[in-house]
């Protein structure tokens, strides 16, 4: 594999022996540049919108405490940000949760790398995660490149994720995702059994509290969402579903299935999490998209803990 440093190859071998790694507690400093979508946002609105794992009130407290700077100056409540502004957030000393830092490269060319993402690990530093994030790991693995993920996967979701290797590819692919021209399929291992072979979930999704999403009365900023579901197999207690999100709302699959009484296995937010287990029930299974003049298609098998529930399925023909 081209571009891998010797230090990374050593760390990768260590990760294979101990797939979950927990770095020592450290001072966490986050650096970010304001994207075009947040131009003219007040600084507190920017943080609560872009980094919704923490409440608006908590971000305001950090701003007032002097923990956030904009272009080298301490941020002030109400300060209006401009595209390209440089922001540094001092998050203090934190102990990160353990994460699976292994990198499984499915495909690469001069424009992109496609990974079969492990779990648990977030794509970006977020919440309590910092060093244990894909972008931070990739900075060390490929120091000559800027990590540019063109899609989102939750920390507990495994499967296909695409990183652009240059600015031009990132711009092209982000538009493909934003315009819903990318075909995505997931496998979901859930508790319970559906009533129908095929069904579509259309409940609008909005904010419930902080970073949590939900449906129904009382949600804030509801947005339309559509998820197609096909029932593939069941045991007495669990089912495997093929899931196709037709919109890109945060936590969409997890929220829709939980609301339909089919919570994803080990989902500690929208289901019943098991802190002693790192076996999660959502896997990004298939991806089809165009990158410049090429049409690409990928499929990766789900983690081993899916196998007992899929023994009678031929996933290559689905």
Protein backbone atom coordinates (compact mmCIF):
# COMPACT_ATOMS: atom_id res chain seq x y z
CA UNK A 1 0.00 0.00 0.00
CA UNK A 2 1.57 3.28 -1.06
CA UNK A 3 2.10 6.24 1.25
CA UNK A 4 2.14 4.40 4.58
CA UNK A 5 4.83 5.44 7.04
CA UNK A 6 6.93 2.87 8.91
CA UNK A 7 5.61 4.19 12.24
CA UNK A 8 2.06 3.60 11.09
CA UNK A 9 2.81 0.06 9.92
CA UNK A 10 4.16 -0.71 13.40
CA UNK A 11 1.11 0.80 15.11
CA UNK A 12 -1.18 -1.11 12.77
CA UNK A 13 0.48 -4.37 13.81
CA UNK A 14 -0.01 -3.42 17.47
CA UNK A 15 -3.67 -2.61 16.84
CA UNK A 16 -4.20 -6.08 15.34
CA UNK A 17 -3.01 -7.60 18.60
CA UNK A 18 -5.22 -5.31 20.68
CA UNK A 19 -7.99 -3.90 18.51
CA UNK A 20 -9.25 -1.51 21.17
CA UNK A 21 -6.84 1.26 22.07
CA UNK A 22 -7.29 3.90 24.77
CA UNK A 23 -4.74 6.73 24.73
CA UNK A 24 -3.65 8.30 28.00
CA UNK A 25 -5.51 11.38 29.22
CA UNK A 26 -4.28 14.47 27.39
CA UNK A 27 -4.96 18.13 26.69
CA UNK A 28 -7.28 18.19 23.69
CA UNK A 29 -7.07 21.09 21.26
CA UNK A 30 -9.41 21.16 18.26
CA UNK A 31 -8.60 23.23 15.17
CA UNK A 32 -11.22 23.99 12.54
CA UNK A 33 -11.93 26.30 9.61
CA UNK A 34 -15.39 27.75 9.13
CA UNK A 35 -17.01 26.11 6.05
CA UNK A 36 -19.18 28.11 3.61
CA UNK A 37 -22.38 26.69 5.11
CA UNK A 38 -21.68 28.51 8.41
CA UNK A 39 -20.79 31.92 6.95
CA UNK A 40 -22.40 34.75 8.97
CA UNK A 41 -23.29 32.45 11.90
CA UNK A 42 -22.85 33.82 15.42
CA UNK A 43 -20.04 31.85 17.07
CA UNK A 44 -22.33 30.18 19.65
CA UNK A 45 -24.79 29.17 16.91
CA UNK A 46 -21.94 27.78 14.82
CA UNK A 47 -20.75 25.49 17.60
CA UNK A 48 -24.19 24.30 18.69
CA UNK A 49 -25.15 23.59 15.04
CA UNK A 50 -21.96 22.02 13.73
CA UNK A 51 -20.92 20.20 16.92
CA UNK A 52 -24.27 19.25 18.41
CA UNK A 53 -22.89 16.60 20.77
CA UNK A 54 -22.84 19.45 23.31
CA UNK A 55 -25.67 21.87 24.13
CA UNK A 56 -25.74 25.54 23.14
CA UNK A 57 -25.48 26.49 26.82
CA UNK A 58 -22.34 24.39 27.25
CA UNK A 59 -20.72 26.03 24.22
CA UNK A 60 -21.60 29.47 25.56
CA UNK A 61 -19.94 28.55 28.85
CA UNK A 62 -16.73 27.58 27.02
CA UNK A 63 -16.76 30.82 25.05
CA UNK A 64 -17.20 32.88 28.21
CA UNK A 65 -14.40 30.89 29.85
CA UNK A 66 -12.00 31.92 27.07
CA UNK A 67 -11.52 28.37 25.77
CA UNK A 68 -12.28 29.30 22.14
CA UNK A 69 -10.35 31.63 19.85
CA UNK A 70 -11.22 32.96 16.39
CA UNK A 71 -8.28 34.04 14.22
CA UNK A 72 -6.09 34.18 17.31
CA UNK A 73 -8.47 36.31 19.42
CA UNK A 74 -10.71 35.11 22.25
CA UNK A 75 -14.24 34.55 20.95
CA UNK A 76 -17.09 36.75 22.13
CA UNK A 77 -20.77 35.83 22.35
CA UNK A 78 -22.54 37.13 19.26
CA UNK A 79 -19.37 37.43 17.16
CA UNK A 80 -20.24 36.81 13.50
CA UNK A 81 -18.04 34.27 11.76
CA UNK A 82 -16.88 34.45 8.16
CA UNK A 83 -16.08 31.60 5.82
CA UNK A 84 -12.44 30.56 6.30
CA UNK A 85 -12.10 31.88 9.87
CA UNK A 86 -9.64 29.83 11.93
CA UNK A 87 -11.05 28.47 15.20
CA UNK A 88 -9.17 26.78 18.03
CA UNK A 89 -11.02 25.12 20.92
CA UNK A 90 -9.22 24.15 24.14
CA UNK A 91 -11.27 21.27 25.51
CA UNK A 92 -9.13 20.58 28.56
CA UNK A 93 -7.59 17.31 29.77
CA UNK A 94 -9.75 14.35 28.85
CA UNK A 95 -9.64 10.57 28.92
CA UNK A 96 -10.85 9.18 25.61
CA UNK A 97 -12.97 6.05 25.31
CA UNK A 98 -11.29 2.99 23.77
CA UNK A 99 -11.59 2.63 20.00
CA UNK A 100 -10.80 0.19 17.22
CA UNK A 101 -8.08 2.04 15.28
CA UNK A 102 -7.50 -0.59 12.58
CA UNK A 103 -7.66 0.66 8.98
CA UNK A 104 -9.01 -1.69 6.31
CA UNK A 105 -8.47 -0.14 2.86
CA UNK A 106 -10.96 -1.60 0.38
CA UNK A 107 -9.91 0.51 -2.62
CA UNK A 108 -7.69 3.44 -3.51
CA UNK A 109 -6.71 5.46 -6.57
CA UNK A 110 -5.30 8.95 -7.13
CA UNK A 111 -8.59 10.55 -6.05
CA UNK A 112 -10.09 8.50 -3.20
CA UNK A 113 -9.60 5.86 -0.54
CA UNK A 114 -12.46 3.61 0.50
CA UNK A 115 -12.30 1.99 3.95
CA UNK A 116 -14.24 -0.76 5.68
CA UNK A 117 -14.66 1.20 8.91
CA UNK A 118 -14.35 -0.54 12.26
CA UNK A 119 -16.25 0.31 15.45
CA UNK A 120 -16.29 1.97 17.83
CA UNK A 121 -14.52 4.94 16.28
CA UNK A 122 -15.86 8.29 15.06
CA UNK A 123 -14.89 9.83 11.74
CA UNK A 124 -14.01 13.25 13.23
CA UNK A 125 -12.90 14.22 16.73
CA UNK A 126 -16.15 14.65 18.61
CA UNK A 127 -17.51 14.38 22.11
CA UNK A 128 -14.91 12.56 24.20
CA UNK A 129 -13.02 11.24 21.15
CA UNK A 130 -9.96 13.02 19.76
CA UNK A 131 -6.88 10.92 18.93
CA UNK A 132 -9.25 7.97 18.59
CA UNK A 133 -10.87 9.24 15.39
CA UNK A 134 -10.34 8.28 11.76
CA UNK A 135 -9.16 11.71 10.66
CA UNK A 136 -6.50 11.89 13.39
CA UNK A 137 -5.28 8.37 12.58
CA UNK A 138 -5.14 9.14 8.86
CA UNK A 139 -3.07 12.29 9.45
CA UNK A 140 -0.36 10.01 10.83
CA UNK A 141 -0.86 7.24 8.28
CA UNK A 142 -0.77 9.58 5.27
CA UNK A 143 1.05 12.74 6.46
CA UNK A 144 1.23 14.18 2.95
CA UNK A 145 -2.57 14.34 2.68
CA UNK A 146 -5.43 16.16 4.40
CA UNK A 147 -8.13 13.64 5.51
CA UNK A 148 -11.32 14.58 3.66
CA UNK A 149 -14.28 12.32 4.51
CA UNK A 150 -17.15 12.94 2.09
CA UNK A 151 -19.86 11.23 4.16
CA UNK A 152 -20.81 10.61 7.79
CA UNK A 153 -20.87 7.35 9.70
CA UNK A 154 -21.62 7.17 13.42
CA UNK A 155 -18.89 5.96 15.77
CA UNK A 156 -20.73 2.65 16.25
CA UNK A 157 -21.48 2.07 12.54
CA UNK A 158 -19.16 -0.23 10.59
CA UNK A 159 -18.67 -0.48 6.84
CA UNK A 160 -17.94 1.56 3.75
CA UNK A 161 -16.72 5.12 4.03
CA UNK A 162 -15.02 7.28 1.40
CA UNK A 163 -12.19 9.76 1.91
CA UNK A 164 -11.12 12.11 -0.88
CA UNK A 165 -7.38 12.46 -1.43
CA UNK A 166 -7.53 15.96 -2.91
CA UNK A 167 -9.71 19.06 -2.84
CA UNK A 168 -11.16 18.50 -6.31
CA UNK A 169 -12.37 14.98 -5.54
CA UNK A 170 -13.80 16.14 -2.21
CA UNK A 171 -15.82 18.88 -3.90
CA UNK A 172 -17.16 16.54 -6.58
CA UNK A 173 -18.16 13.75 -4.19
CA UNK A 174 -19.72 16.03 -1.59
CA UNK A 175 -22.06 17.33 -4.29
CA UNK A 176 -22.90 13.76 -5.29
CA UNK A 177 -23.83 12.93 -1.70
CA UNK A 178 -25.70 16.20 -1.11
CA UNK A 179 -27.75 15.70 -4.28
CA UNK A 180 -28.61 12.10 -3.30
CA UNK A 181 -26.94 10.60 -6.37
CA UNK A 182 -25.01 8.10 -4.23
CA UNK A 183 -26.72 4.75 -3.66
CA UNK A 184 -26.28 3.46 -0.10
CA UNK A 185 -27.42 0.21 1.48
CA UNK A 186 -27.05 -0.87 5.08
CA UNK A 187 -27.54 -4.09 7.00
CA UNK A 188 -29.22 -3.60 10.37
CA UNK A 189 -29.25 -6.20 13.13
CA UNK A 190 -32.24 -5.30 15.31
CA UNK A 191 -34.23 -6.62 18.23
CA UNK A 192 -37.69 -7.79 17.28
CA UNK A 193 -39.40 -8.85 14.07
CA UNK A 194 -41.13 -6.67 11.43
CA UNK A 195 -44.77 -7.16 10.53
CA UNK A 196 -44.13 -6.76 6.79
CA UNK A 197 -41.54 -7.99 4.30
CA UNK A 198 -41.01 -4.51 2.91
CA UNK A 199 -41.99 -1.12 4.30
CA UNK A 200 -41.03 2.56 4.17
CA UNK A 201 -40.54 4.85 7.18
CA UNK A 202 -41.31 8.53 6.59
CA UNK A 203 -41.50 10.22 10.02
CA UNK A 204 -39.82 13.64 10.10
CA UNK A 205 -36.73 13.79 12.30
CA UNK A 206 -35.84 16.68 14.58
CA UNK A 207 -33.78 17.57 17.62
CA UNK A 208 -35.00 16.28 20.98
CA UNK A 209 -32.26 17.27 23.40
CA UNK A 210 -28.73 18.42 22.57
CA UNK A 211 -27.36 16.02 19.96
CA UNK A 212 -30.25 13.54 20.21
CA UNK A 213 -32.75 13.11 17.39
CA UNK A 214 -36.33 11.93 17.49
CA UNK A 215 -39.73 11.93 15.82
CA UNK A 216 -43.21 13.02 16.86
CA UNK A 217 -44.53 15.92 18.89
CA UNK A 218 -42.10 18.25 20.60
CA UNK A 219 -39.13 17.83 18.26
CA UNK A 220 -37.31 20.96 17.15
CA UNK A 221 -36.47 21.82 13.53
CA UNK A 222 -38.15 18.74 12.02
CA UNK A 223 -36.93 17.65 8.59
CA UNK A 224 -38.46 15.14 6.20
CA UNK A 225 -36.82 11.72 6.12
CA UNK A 226 -37.46 8.54 4.15
CA UNK A 227 -36.02 5.09 4.87
CA UNK A 228 -36.82 1.94 2.88
CA UNK A 229 -36.60 -1.35 4.75
CA UNK A 230 -36.60 -5.00 3.63
CA UNK A 231 -36.83 -7.86 6.12
CA UNK A 232 -34.16 -10.48 5.26
CA UNK A 233 -34.05 -12.96 8.16
CA UNK A 234 -35.06 -13.52 11.78
CA UNK A 235 -34.38 -15.65 14.83
CA UNK A 236 -36.77 -15.82 17.78
CA UNK A 237 -35.45 -12.54 19.13
CA UNK A 238 -33.60 -10.65 16.38
CA UNK A 239 -33.89 -9.72 12.72
CA UNK A 240 -31.58 -8.67 9.90
CA UNK A 241 -32.86 -5.87 7.68
CA UNK A 242 -31.68 -4.33 4.43
CA UNK A 243 -32.02 -0.56 4.89
CA UNK A 244 -31.82 2.17 2.23
CA UNK A 245 -31.88 5.78 3.47
CA UNK A 246 -33.28 8.07 0.79
CA UNK A 247 -32.44 11.19 2.79
CA UNK A 248 -29.40 12.04 4.88
CA UNK A 249 -30.64 13.06 8.31
CA UNK A 250 -28.41 12.66 11.35
CA UNK A 251 -28.92 9.21 12.99
CA UNK A 252 -31.76 8.60 10.49
CA UNK A 253 -31.68 4.80 10.38
CA UNK A 254 -31.24 4.45 14.14
CA UNK A 255 -34.07 6.86 14.91
CA UNK A 256 -36.53 5.46 12.34
CA UNK A 257 -36.00 1.82 13.32
CA UNK A 258 -36.16 2.56 17.05
CA UNK A 259 -39.41 4.47 16.56
CA UNK A 260 -40.75 1.42 14.68
CA UNK A 261 -39.97 -0.83 17.70
CA UNK A 262 -36.95 -2.35 15.93
CA UNK A 263 -33.99 -0.87 17.86
CA UNK A 264 -30.52 -1.59 16.53
CA UNK A 265 -28.47 -3.99 18.63
CA UNK A 266 -26.25 -2.26 21.21
CA UNK A 267 -27.44 1.26 20.36
CA UNK A 268 -26.97 3.05 23.69
CA UNK A 269 -28.86 6.16 22.53
CA UNK A 270 -31.91 4.89 20.65
CA UNK A 271 -31.99 1.32 21.93
CA UNK A 272 -30.41 -0.70 24.75
CA UNK A 273 -26.66 -0.38 24.86
CA UNK A 274 -24.33 -2.92 26.43
CA UNK A 275 -21.20 -1.18 27.70
CA UNK A 276 -19.36 -4.50 27.97
CA UNK A 277 -19.81 -5.27 24.26
CA UNK A 278 -18.37 -3.67 21.14
CA UNK A 279 -20.67 -5.55 18.77
CA UNK A 280 -22.99 -3.08 17.05
CA UNK A 281 -25.91 -3.66 14.72
CA UNK A 282 -25.52 -1.16 11.87
CA UNK A 283 -23.25 -1.82 8.89
CA UNK A 284 -22.75 0.28 5.73
CA UNK A 285 -22.92 -2.65 3.33
CA UNK A 286 -23.02 -1.33 -0.24
CA UNK A 287 -22.03 1.91 -1.93
CA UNK A 288 -22.43 2.96 -5.57
CA UNK A 289 -21.30 6.35 -6.83
CA UNK A 290 -19.62 8.27 -9.62
CA UNK A 291 -16.20 9.90 -9.15
CA UNK A 292 -15.46 12.16 -12.10
CA UNK A 293 -15.74 9.89 -15.18
CA UNK A 294 -15.75 6.57 -13.28
CA UNK A 295 -18.66 4.67 -11.75
CA UNK A 296 -17.62 2.70 -8.67
CA UNK A 297 -19.42 0.01 -6.68
CA UNK A 298 -18.37 -1.64 -3.41
CA UNK A 299 -19.70 -4.23 -0.98
CA UNK A 300 -18.15 -5.37 2.32
CA UNK A 301 -19.32 -8.20 4.54
CA UNK A 302 -20.71 -7.29 7.97
CA UNK A 303 -18.79 -8.06 11.19
CA UNK A 304 -18.71 -11.64 12.45
CA UNK A 305 -21.40 -11.13 15.08
CA UNK A 306 -23.95 -10.76 12.24
CA UNK A 307 -23.22 -14.30 10.98
CA UNK A 308 -25.45 -16.34 13.36
CA UNK A 309 -28.43 -14.31 12.19
CA UNK A 310 -27.61 -14.63 8.46
CA UNK A 311 -26.73 -18.30 8.04
CA UNK A 312 -29.41 -18.98 5.43
CA UNK A 313 -28.74 -15.81 3.40
CA UNK A 314 -26.52 -15.52 0.36
CA UNK A 315 -25.51 -11.88 0.71
CA UNK A 316 -23.76 -11.88 -2.68
CA UNK A 317 -27.11 -12.28 -4.44
CA UNK A 318 -29.06 -9.71 -2.42
